[in-house]
Each structure stands twice: as C-alpha cells, then as structure tokens.
Amino acid sequence: MSHHTYKHIELTGTSQQGLEEAINSAIAKASESLHGMRWFEVTETRGHIEHGRVAHWQVTLKIGFTLD
C-alpha cells in the first residue's frame, strides 16, 4: 500500500455561467503551476446580484495535491 502526503491550497473560481464553470476555471488555472492535484472540496459558494438576477458566481475550493 502506498502512502501519500497531501498539501492543500484555497482558491476562488468565478464564472458568469454557473457553479461548475467556476470550479473548472479555478482548477484549470491552478493546473498551470501545480502538479499532482488529486481532489477538491467546495467550501463556500457566493454570487453577485445585478438587477435582481445572479450576475456572477464565486466558488471557493480547497485543492489537494501530493508532495514530491
């Protein structure tokens, strides 16, 4: 059995389209400089309201990655 040690960071992704796109944009941006990402956990969901409608989604995530 292999053992892993993980580090995690917190990021906030945003999107005008929805929650899934906000999550995917945060993970895609993190993947540009992090390697070994293994899991994520949504810790907070927020939105911006304009003219009585949701205009922008904000999703805060913890992203776990393995250490070398």
C-alpha atoms as a PDB file:
ATOM      1  CA  MET A   1       0.000   0.000   0.000  1.00  0.00           C
ATOM      2  CA  SER A   2       1.414   3.392  -0.919  1.00  0.00           C
ATOM      3  CA  HIS A   3       1.198   6.335   1.435  1.00  0.00           C
ATOM      4  CA  HIS A   4       0.631   9.895   0.302  1.00  0.00           C
ATOM      5  CA  THR A   5       1.138  13.219   1.984  1.00  0.00           C
ATOM      6  CA  TYR A   6      -1.073  15.998   0.707  1.00  0.00           C
ATOM      7  CA  LYS A   7      -0.846  19.752   0.823  1.00  0.00           C
ATOM      8  CA  HIS A   8      -3.884  21.860   0.113  1.00  0.00           C
ATOM      9  CA  ILE A   9      -4.484  25.393  -1.021  1.00  0.00           C
ATOM     10  CA  GLU A  10      -7.605  27.512  -1.173  1.00  0.00           C
ATOM     11  CA  LEU A  11      -8.743  29.170  -4.403  1.00  0.00           C
ATOM     12  CA  THR A  12     -11.819  31.019  -5.604  1.00  0.00           C
ATOM     13  CA  GLY A  13     -13.031  30.472  -9.167  1.00  0.00           C
ATOM     14  CA  THR A  14     -15.549  32.770 -10.826  1.00  0.00           C
ATOM     15  CA  SER A  15     -17.986  32.498 -13.704  1.00  0.00           C
ATOM     16  CA  GLN A  16     -20.958  34.250 -15.205  1.00  0.00           C
ATOM     17  CA  GLN A  17     -22.260  30.865 -16.440  1.00  0.00           C
ATOM     18  CA  GLY A  18     -22.567  28.790 -13.261  1.00  0.00           C
ATOM     19  CA  LEU A  19     -21.000  26.864 -10.427  1.00  0.00           C
ATOM     20  CA  GLU A  20     -19.420  24.098 -12.487  1.00  0.00           C
ATOM     21  CA  GLU A  21     -17.659  26.568 -14.766  1.00  0.00           C
ATOM     22  CA  ALA A  22     -16.360  28.496 -11.723  1.00  0.00           C
ATOM     23  CA  ILE A  23     -14.933  25.257 -10.284  1.00  0.00           C
ATOM     24  CA  ASN A  24     -13.407  24.233 -13.610  1.00  0.00           C
ATOM     25  CA  SER A  25     -11.801  27.651 -14.139  1.00  0.00           C
ATOM     26  CA  ALA A  26     -10.133  27.534 -10.704  1.00  0.00           C
ATOM     27  CA  ILE A  27      -8.804  24.006 -11.325  1.00  0.00           C
ATOM     28  CA  ALA A  28      -7.616  24.864 -14.848  1.00  0.00           C
ATOM     29  CA  LYS A  29      -5.730  27.928 -13.627  1.00  0.00           C
ATOM     30  CA  ALA A  30      -4.165  26.006 -10.725  1.00  0.00           C
ATOM     31  CA  SER A  31      -3.032  23.254 -13.102  1.00  0.00           C
ATOM     32  CA  GLU A  32      -0.818  25.781 -14.909  1.00  0.00           C
ATOM     33  CA  SER A  33       1.543  25.900 -11.924  1.00  0.00           C
ATOM     34  CA  LEU A  34       0.642  22.919  -9.703  1.00  0.00           C
ATOM     35  CA  HIS A  35       1.114  19.249 -10.454  1.00  0.00           C
ATOM     36  CA  GLY A  36      -0.177  16.200  -8.637  1.00  0.00           C
ATOM     37  CA  MET A  37      -3.625  17.638  -7.936  1.00  0.00           C
ATOM     38  CA  ARG A  38      -5.837  14.835  -6.588  1.00  0.00           C
ATOM     39  CA  TRP A  39      -9.007  16.227  -5.023  1.00  0.00           C
ATOM     40  CA  PHE A  40     -11.089  19.319  -4.387  1.00  0.00           C
ATOM     41  CA  GLU A  41     -13.660  20.325  -1.819  1.00  0.00           C
ATOM     42  CA  VAL A  42     -16.129  23.192  -2.250  1.00  0.00           C
ATOM     43  CA  THR A  43     -16.000  25.236   0.950  1.00  0.00           C
ATOM     44  CA  GLU A  44     -18.058  28.274   0.010  1.00  0.00           C
ATOM     45  CA  THR A  45     -20.436  29.430  -2.708  1.00  0.00           C
ATOM     46  CA  ARG A  46     -21.290  33.065  -3.298  1.00  0.00           C
ATOM     47  CA  GLY A  47     -22.828  35.126  -6.039  1.00  0.00           C
ATOM     48  CA  HIS A  48     -23.113  38.696  -7.217  1.00  0.00           C
ATOM     49  CA  ILE A  49     -26.583  40.091  -7.902  1.00  0.00           C
ATOM     50  CA  GLU A  50     -27.384  42.725 -10.507  1.00  0.00           C
ATOM     51  CA  HIS A  51     -30.881  43.925 -11.359  1.00  0.00           C
ATOM     52  CA  GLY A  52     -32.475  41.182  -9.270  1.00  0.00           C
ATOM     53  CA  ARG A  53     -30.610  38.332 -11.017  1.00  0.00           C
ATOM     54  CA  VAL A  54     -27.453  36.318 -10.419  1.00  0.00           C
ATOM     55  CA  ALA A  55     -24.743  38.020 -12.463  1.00  0.00           C
ATOM     56  CA  HIS A  56     -21.638  36.190 -11.290  1.00  0.00           C
ATOM     57  CA  TRP A  57     -20.821  33.013  -9.343  1.00  0.00           C
ATOM     58  CA  GLN A  58     -17.882  32.679  -6.920  1.00  0.00           C
ATOM     59  CA  VAL A  59     -16.879  29.229  -5.643  1.00  0.00           C
ATOM     60  CA  THR A  60     -14.129  28.756  -3.059  1.00  0.00           C
ATOM     61  CA  LEU A  61     -12.337  25.411  -3.161  1.00  0.00           C
ATOM     62  CA  LYS A  62      -9.682  23.541  -1.286  1.00  0.00           C
ATOM     63  CA  ILE A  63      -7.473  21.712  -3.770  1.00  0.00           C
ATOM     64  CA  GLY A  64      -5.313  18.855  -2.507  1.00  0.00           C
ATOM     65  CA  PHE A  65      -2.145  17.769  -4.238  1.00  0.00           C
ATOM     66  CA  THR A  66       0.560  15.235  -3.486  1.00  0.00           C
ATOM     67  CA  LEU A  67       4.008  16.306  -2.438  1.00  0.00           C
ATOM     68  CA  ASP A  68       7.061  15.048  -4.327  1.00  0.00           C
END
